[in-house]
Amino acid sequence: MYAIQIQSDAERTLLWQPAPDPVCRAGEVLVDVHAAALNRADLFQRAGKYPPPPGASEILGLEIAGEISALGEEVREHQTGERVCALLPGGGYAERAAVPAEMLMPVPEGWDFQQAAAVPECFLTGFVNFYMEAELQPGETVLVHGGASGVGTAAIQLARASGNPVFVTAGSSQKVARCEELGAELAINYREHDFVERVLAHSGGAGVDVILDIVGGDYLQRNLKLLKAKGRLVFISTLGGARAEIDLRVLMGRRARIIGSVLRSRTLAEKIEIKQRFMQRFWRLFLEGQLRPVIDSVFPIEQAGEAHQRMTANRNIGKIVLKVR
């Protein structure tokens, strides 16, 4: 097969080159990949800052969509030719990928593979952090930083579907407008406004119950100012820095919780549970058209480097997808 290979030059150039076929083990299926989607983790791995979990493919790519081409031993509930999408720990930027059968999700009727590839990582990330980690309750208010990202656009839709008012931050007027179209009650351009002041003003000084943060760094203190009593702050990335100071008295006084969360390095059993609970609660909304991934752009797999440039420059609204076949 062919796959994207990271070169050893200064730019860490991405090239579409021959690579060994993946091994389909017991309980897995082999998927002919038609589309893969980008994630920030891909950029970090390319830069040598985020190695894949032990045993995972060294090839970039955490989510795919395609057709099952072979079944491993012990796989009984699937057949070749099925159109599926899946979350991976690695190996998505390739013509073929081996996937545990229990991680497969069907491609909704009428969808193309590019749409399906844009679902697994961002919607499962939003789901696990809202409903499992933060235990979001009906009517609670949420704040999502990076509202126009893939995870952000998914989180807005999930919160709206579960009846939770959602506030977001984003970095341009265009991104703010798109977040509002998706259902954000309040969208703040953080380059032009102090999000703490705007959230407090909009909420009558109450703040929010749950914050989903991709920034870290100096956002910590600002986030704490916005948490209600028993509020939950969930960190899923540290784009603004991995270190920050905290006034523990604020945390204690509000009986708040700070939660660190990752998805990629969780055990397979955890990921299967997340996928199953997500599908039980929200999958029908995809079939009914109430939930849909936001696609920013589609690049041929040979132009993966250009796709990475777009994400690095923060120009995307929603998911960037690679067309493999």
Protein backbone atom coordinates (compact mmCIF):
# COMPACT_ATOMS: atom_id res chain seq x y z
CA MET A 1 0.00 0.00 0.00
CA TYR A 2 0.88 3.70 -0.02
CA ALA A 3 0.94 5.89 3.07
CA ILE A 4 2.15 9.31 4.16
CA GLN A 5 5.73 9.13 5.37
CA ILE A 6 7.47 11.82 7.45
CA GLN A 7 10.82 12.74 5.95
CA SER A 8 13.89 13.50 8.06
CA ASP A 9 14.53 16.93 6.53
CA ALA A 10 14.21 20.18 8.45
CA GLU A 11 10.57 20.70 7.38
CA ARG A 12 9.57 17.12 8.22
CA THR A 13 8.08 16.92 4.73
CA LEU A 14 5.12 14.59 4.16
CA LEU A 15 5.36 12.28 1.14
CA TRP A 16 2.96 9.66 -0.26
CA GLN A 17 5.16 6.58 -0.52
CA PRO A 18 5.04 2.78 -0.40
CA ALA A 19 4.64 1.35 3.11
CA PRO A 20 4.04 -2.10 4.61
CA ASP A 21 0.43 -3.26 4.73
CA PRO A 22 -1.11 -3.37 8.22
CA VAL A 23 -1.60 -6.74 9.89
CA CYS A 24 -5.22 -7.68 10.55
CA ARG A 25 -5.26 -9.45 13.93
CA ALA A 26 -8.01 -11.42 15.61
CA GLY A 27 -10.97 -9.19 16.40
CA GLU A 28 -9.92 -6.62 13.81
CA VAL A 29 -10.99 -5.76 10.28
CA LEU A 30 -8.96 -4.36 7.42
CA VAL A 31 -10.42 -1.15 6.01
CA ASP A 32 -9.67 0.25 2.56
CA VAL A 33 -9.38 3.90 3.51
CA HIS A 34 -11.26 6.40 1.34
CA ALA A 35 -10.81 9.46 3.57
CA ALA A 36 -8.94 10.51 6.70
CA ALA A 37 -9.29 13.67 8.79
CA LEU A 38 -6.68 15.95 10.37
CA ASN A 39 -6.21 16.58 14.08
CA ARG A 40 -3.82 18.76 16.07
CA ALA A 41 -2.22 15.58 17.34
CA ASP A 42 -1.02 14.92 13.78
CA LEU A 43 0.89 18.21 13.76
CA PHE A 44 2.49 17.43 17.12
CA GLN A 45 3.44 13.90 16.05
CA ARG A 46 4.94 15.20 12.81
CA ALA A 47 7.06 17.62 14.86
CA GLY A 48 8.29 14.77 17.06
CA LYS A 49 6.38 15.98 20.14
CA TYR A 50 3.59 13.39 20.38
CA PRO A 51 4.62 9.79 19.71
CA PRO A 52 1.87 7.21 19.14
CA PRO A 53 0.88 4.94 22.02
CA PRO A 54 2.84 1.67 22.37
CA GLY A 55 1.85 -0.80 19.69
CA ALA A 56 0.08 1.78 17.50
CA SER A 57 1.04 2.53 13.91
CA GLU A 58 3.73 5.17 13.40
CA ILE A 59 1.73 6.51 10.44
CA LEU A 60 -0.20 9.73 11.10
CA GLY A 61 -3.98 9.77 11.25
CA LEU A 62 -6.52 9.22 14.04
CA GLU A 63 -9.80 8.84 12.12
CA ILE A 64 -10.85 7.29 8.84
CA ALA A 65 -13.76 6.22 6.70
CA GLY A 66 -13.77 3.48 4.10
CA GLU A 67 -14.89 -0.04 3.21
CA ILE A 68 -14.14 -3.28 5.01
CA SER A 69 -11.92 -5.40 2.77
CA ALA A 70 -11.01 -8.28 5.12
CA LEU A 71 -12.14 -9.79 8.40
CA GLY A 72 -9.84 -11.03 11.13
CA GLU A 73 -10.55 -14.13 13.18
CA GLU A 74 -13.43 -13.87 15.66
CA VAL A 75 -15.18 -11.08 13.72
CA ARG A 76 -18.81 -12.15 13.26
CA GLU A 77 -20.93 -8.99 13.14
CA HIS A 78 -19.41 -7.38 10.04
CA GLN A 79 -18.86 -8.30 6.42
CA THR A 80 -16.64 -7.14 3.59
CA GLY A 81 -17.94 -4.16 1.64
CA GLU A 82 -19.46 -2.41 4.66
CA ARG A 83 -19.00 1.36 4.69
CA VAL A 84 -17.57 2.31 8.08
CA CYS A 85 -15.73 5.02 9.98
CA ALA A 86 -13.54 4.66 13.05
CA LEU A 87 -11.26 6.28 15.60
CA LEU A 88 -7.65 5.07 15.47
CA PRO A 89 -4.55 5.47 17.66
CA GLY A 90 -2.61 5.97 14.40
CA GLY A 91 -2.36 4.75 10.81
CA GLY A 92 -5.07 6.79 9.09
CA TYR A 93 -3.02 8.54 6.39
CA ALA A 94 -2.78 5.34 4.36
CA GLU A 95 -4.59 3.21 1.81
CA ARG A 96 -5.41 0.56 4.41
CA ALA A 97 -5.82 0.44 8.17
CA ALA A 98 -6.45 -2.33 10.69
CA VAL A 99 -9.27 -1.45 13.09
CA PRO A 100 -10.73 -3.31 16.08
CA ALA A 101 -14.19 -4.39 14.96
CA GLU A 102 -15.78 -3.00 18.13
CA MET A 103 -14.58 0.52 17.22
CA LEU A 104 -16.41 0.61 13.89
CA MET A 105 -19.31 2.97 13.26
CA PRO A 106 -21.50 2.76 10.14
CA VAL A 107 -21.46 5.49 7.52
CA PRO A 108 -24.96 7.02 7.53
CA GLU A 109 -26.95 6.51 4.35
CA GLY A 110 -26.44 9.35 1.88
CA TRP A 111 -23.13 10.44 3.39
CA ASP A 112 -19.83 10.41 1.50
CA PHE A 113 -16.63 9.12 3.03
CA GLN A 114 -15.26 12.61 3.64
CA GLN A 115 -18.18 13.44 5.91
CA ALA A 116 -17.88 10.17 7.79
CA ALA A 117 -14.12 10.58 8.35
CA ALA A 118 -14.79 13.90 10.07
CA VAL A 119 -16.97 12.38 12.81
CA PRO A 120 -15.05 9.99 15.10
CA GLU A 121 -12.38 12.07 16.83
CA CYS A 122 -14.19 15.37 17.31
CA PHE A 123 -17.58 13.98 18.33
CA LEU A 124 -16.15 11.30 20.62
CA THR A 125 -13.87 13.92 22.21
CA GLY A 126 -16.79 16.25 22.81
CA PHE A 127 -18.92 13.41 24.13
CA VAL A 128 -16.45 11.87 26.57
CA ASN A 129 -15.46 15.21 28.06
CA PHE A 130 -18.95 16.69 28.40
CA TYR A 131 -20.99 13.68 29.44
CA MET A 132 -18.50 11.28 31.03
CA GLU A 133 -15.67 13.37 32.46
CA ALA A 134 -17.62 16.52 33.41
CA GLU A 135 -20.92 14.65 33.92
CA LEU A 136 -22.82 17.48 32.25
CA GLN A 137 -26.37 17.75 33.58
CA PRO A 138 -29.53 19.02 31.82
CA GLY A 139 -29.69 22.81 31.75
CA GLU A 140 -26.08 23.38 32.79
CA THR A 141 -24.16 26.01 30.82
CA VAL A 142 -20.90 25.27 29.01
CA LEU A 143 -18.03 27.35 27.61
CA VAL A 144 -15.96 25.92 24.76
CA HIS A 145 -12.64 27.49 23.80
CA GLY A 146 -11.78 27.05 20.14
CA GLY A 147 -15.41 26.92 19.10
CA ALA A 148 -14.60 26.85 15.37
CA SER A 149 -12.25 23.86 15.61
CA GLY A 150 -13.35 20.35 14.75
CA VAL A 151 -13.93 19.53 18.40
CA GLY A 152 -15.52 22.93 18.99
CA THR A 153 -18.05 22.62 16.17
CA ALA A 154 -18.96 19.13 17.39
CA ALA A 155 -19.23 20.28 21.02
CA ILE A 156 -21.59 23.12 20.09
CA GLN A 157 -23.92 20.69 18.34
CA LEU A 158 -23.81 18.12 21.14
CA ALA A 159 -24.54 20.73 23.82
CA ARG A 160 -27.40 22.16 21.83
CA ALA A 161 -28.83 18.66 21.27
CA SER A 162 -28.74 17.92 25.01
CA GLY A 163 -30.34 21.23 25.96
CA ASN A 164 -27.24 22.90 27.40
CA PRO A 165 -26.66 26.60 26.63
CA VAL A 166 -23.21 26.89 25.03
CA PHE A 167 -20.82 29.86 24.93
CA VAL A 168 -17.66 29.77 22.79
CA THR A 169 -14.52 31.71 22.01
CA ALA A 170 -13.08 31.96 18.50
CA GLY A 171 -10.43 34.01 16.73
CA SER A 172 -12.22 35.85 13.92
CA SER A 173 -15.57 37.37 13.04
CA GLN A 174 -16.11 34.65 10.43
CA LYS A 175 -15.53 31.93 13.01
CA VAL A 176 -17.80 33.67 15.51
CA ALA A 177 -20.58 33.82 12.92
CA ARG A 178 -20.24 30.12 12.08
CA CYS A 179 -20.38 29.16 15.76
CA GLU A 180 -23.58 31.16 16.15
CA GLU A 181 -25.06 29.40 13.11
CA LEU A 182 -24.31 26.05 14.76
CA GLY A 183 -26.20 27.04 17.89
CA ALA A 184 -23.83 28.92 20.20
CA GLU A 185 -25.83 31.26 22.41
CA LEU A 186 -22.80 33.52 22.81
CA ALA A 187 -19.71 33.56 20.56
CA ILE A 188 -16.81 35.82 21.54
CA ASN A 189 -13.92 36.97 19.38
CA TYR A 190 -11.15 36.61 21.94
CA ARG A 191 -8.86 38.85 19.87
CA GLU A 192 -11.25 41.76 20.32
CA HIS A 193 -13.00 41.14 23.64
CA ASP A 194 -12.22 39.86 27.13
CA PHE A 195 -14.11 36.57 27.23
CA VAL A 196 -14.36 36.67 31.03
CA GLU A 197 -16.16 40.02 30.94
CA ARG A 198 -18.44 38.97 28.10
CA VAL A 199 -19.44 35.64 29.70
CA LEU A 200 -20.10 37.25 33.08
CA ALA A 201 -22.15 40.03 31.48
CA HIS A 202 -24.19 37.60 29.40
CA SER A 203 -24.82 35.25 32.33
CA GLY A 204 -25.71 38.00 34.77
CA GLY A 205 -22.54 37.33 36.71
CA ALA A 206 -23.32 33.64 37.19
CA GLY A 207 -20.62 32.16 34.96
CA VAL A 208 -20.76 28.61 33.61
CA ASP A 209 -20.89 25.04 34.90
CA VAL A 210 -18.45 23.35 32.53
CA ILE A 211 -15.50 24.67 30.50
CA LEU A 212 -13.82 22.71 27.71
CA ASP A 213 -10.35 24.20 27.22
CA ILE A 214 -7.77 23.60 24.48
CA VAL A 215 -5.56 26.55 25.48
CA GLY A 216 -4.18 26.00 28.97
CA GLY A 217 -1.50 28.45 30.10
CA ASP A 218 -2.82 31.76 31.38
CA TYR A 219 -6.40 30.73 30.57
CA LEU A 220 -6.43 28.77 33.83
CA GLN A 221 -6.94 31.73 36.14
CA ARG A 222 -9.45 33.31 33.75
CA ASN A 223 -11.41 30.09 33.50
CA LEU A 224 -11.60 29.76 37.27
CA LYS A 225 -13.22 33.19 37.47
CA LEU A 226 -16.06 31.86 35.35
CA LEU A 227 -16.82 28.60 37.12
CA LYS A 228 -19.96 28.36 39.21
CA ALA A 229 -19.98 26.44 42.48
CA LYS A 230 -19.15 22.79 41.72
CA GLY A 231 -18.05 23.79 38.22
CA ARG A 232 -15.78 21.57 36.12
CA LEU A 233 -12.84 22.68 33.98
CA VAL A 234 -11.69 20.07 31.46
CA PHE A 235 -8.30 20.46 29.75
CA ILE A 236 -7.93 18.60 26.46
CA SER A 237 -4.91 20.46 25.03
CA THR A 238 -2.31 23.07 25.94
CA LEU A 239 -1.95 25.19 22.81
CA GLY A 240 -1.29 28.27 24.95
CA GLY A 241 1.21 26.62 27.28
CA ALA A 242 1.48 23.66 29.63
CA ARG A 243 2.26 25.58 32.84
CA ALA A 244 0.14 27.97 34.90
CA GLU A 245 -0.24 29.22 38.45
CA ILE A 246 -3.39 28.54 40.40
CA ASP A 247 -4.93 30.08 43.51
CA LEU A 248 -6.08 26.97 45.30
CA ARG A 249 -8.37 29.02 47.52
CA VAL A 250 -10.54 29.84 44.49
CA LEU A 251 -10.73 26.17 43.56
CA MET A 252 -11.58 25.18 47.11
CA GLY A 253 -14.07 27.98 47.69
CA ARG A 254 -16.06 27.04 44.62
CA ARG A 255 -15.68 23.30 45.21
CA ALA A 256 -14.62 23.18 41.59
CA ARG A 257 -12.87 20.36 39.75
CA ILE A 258 -10.03 20.50 37.23
CA ILE A 259 -9.96 17.49 34.93
CA GLY A 260 -7.17 16.49 32.57
CA SER A 261 -8.34 14.41 29.63
CA VAL A 262 -6.90 12.65 26.59
CA LEU A 263 -8.51 10.23 24.16
CA ARG A 264 -5.74 8.70 22.05
CA SER A 265 -3.85 6.90 24.82
CA ARG A 266 -6.88 5.40 26.56
CA THR A 267 -7.20 1.64 26.58
CA LEU A 268 -9.17 -0.05 23.84
CA ALA A 269 -11.79 -1.10 26.38
CA GLU A 270 -12.29 2.55 27.40
CA LYS A 271 -12.59 3.67 23.80
CA ILE A 272 -15.13 0.97 23.02
CA GLU A 273 -17.24 2.06 26.00
CA ILE A 274 -17.05 5.70 24.88
CA LYS A 275 -18.07 4.78 21.35
CA GLN A 276 -20.95 2.60 22.50
CA ARG A 277 -22.33 5.18 24.92
CA PHE A 278 -21.99 7.91 22.29
CA MET A 279 -23.90 5.88 19.72
CA GLN A 280 -26.62 4.95 22.20
CA ARG A 281 -27.25 8.58 23.04
CA PHE A 282 -26.56 10.52 19.86
CA TRP A 283 -26.29 8.33 16.77
CA ARG A 284 -29.94 8.65 15.80
CA LEU A 285 -29.41 12.43 15.56
CA PHE A 286 -26.90 11.86 12.75
CA LEU A 287 -29.42 9.66 10.96
CA GLU A 288 -32.11 12.32 11.41
CA GLY A 289 -29.81 15.10 10.17
CA GLN A 290 -29.67 17.01 13.47
CA LEU A 291 -25.94 16.39 13.90
CA ARG A 292 -23.42 16.75 11.07
CA PRO A 293 -19.67 17.27 10.93
CA VAL A 294 -18.52 20.68 9.73
CA ILE A 295 -16.13 20.24 6.79
CA ASP A 296 -13.70 23.09 6.20
CA SER A 297 -11.83 21.70 3.19
CA VAL A 298 -10.83 18.50 1.41
CA PHE A 299 -7.30 17.87 0.11
CA PRO A 300 -5.97 14.96 -1.94
CA ILE A 301 -3.83 12.75 0.30
CA GLU A 302 -0.76 13.72 -1.76
CA GLN A 303 -1.29 17.29 -0.49
CA ALA A 304 -1.26 16.38 3.19
CA GLY A 305 1.50 18.93 3.75
CA GLU A 306 -0.69 21.74 2.42
CA ALA A 307 -3.54 20.53 4.61
CA HIS A 308 -1.24 20.69 7.64
CA GLN A 309 -0.27 24.25 6.70
CA ARG A 310 -3.91 25.29 6.74
CA MET A 311 -4.43 23.86 10.21
CA THR A 312 -1.14 25.30 11.52
CA ALA A 313 -2.28 28.75 10.36
CA ASN A 314 -5.63 28.30 12.16
CA ARG A 315 -7.54 29.07 8.97
CA ASN A 316 -9.95 26.16 9.24
CA ILE A 317 -13.52 26.23 10.48
CA GLY A 318 -14.36 22.63 11.29
CA LYS A 319 -12.53 19.60 9.95
CA ILE A 320 -9.87 19.35 7.27
CA VAL A 321 -10.18 16.06 5.39
CA LEU A 322 -7.78 14.08 3.19
CA LYS A 323 -9.26 12.20 0.23
CA VAL A 324 -7.37 8.91 -0.10
CA ARG A 325 -9.33 7.14 -2.86
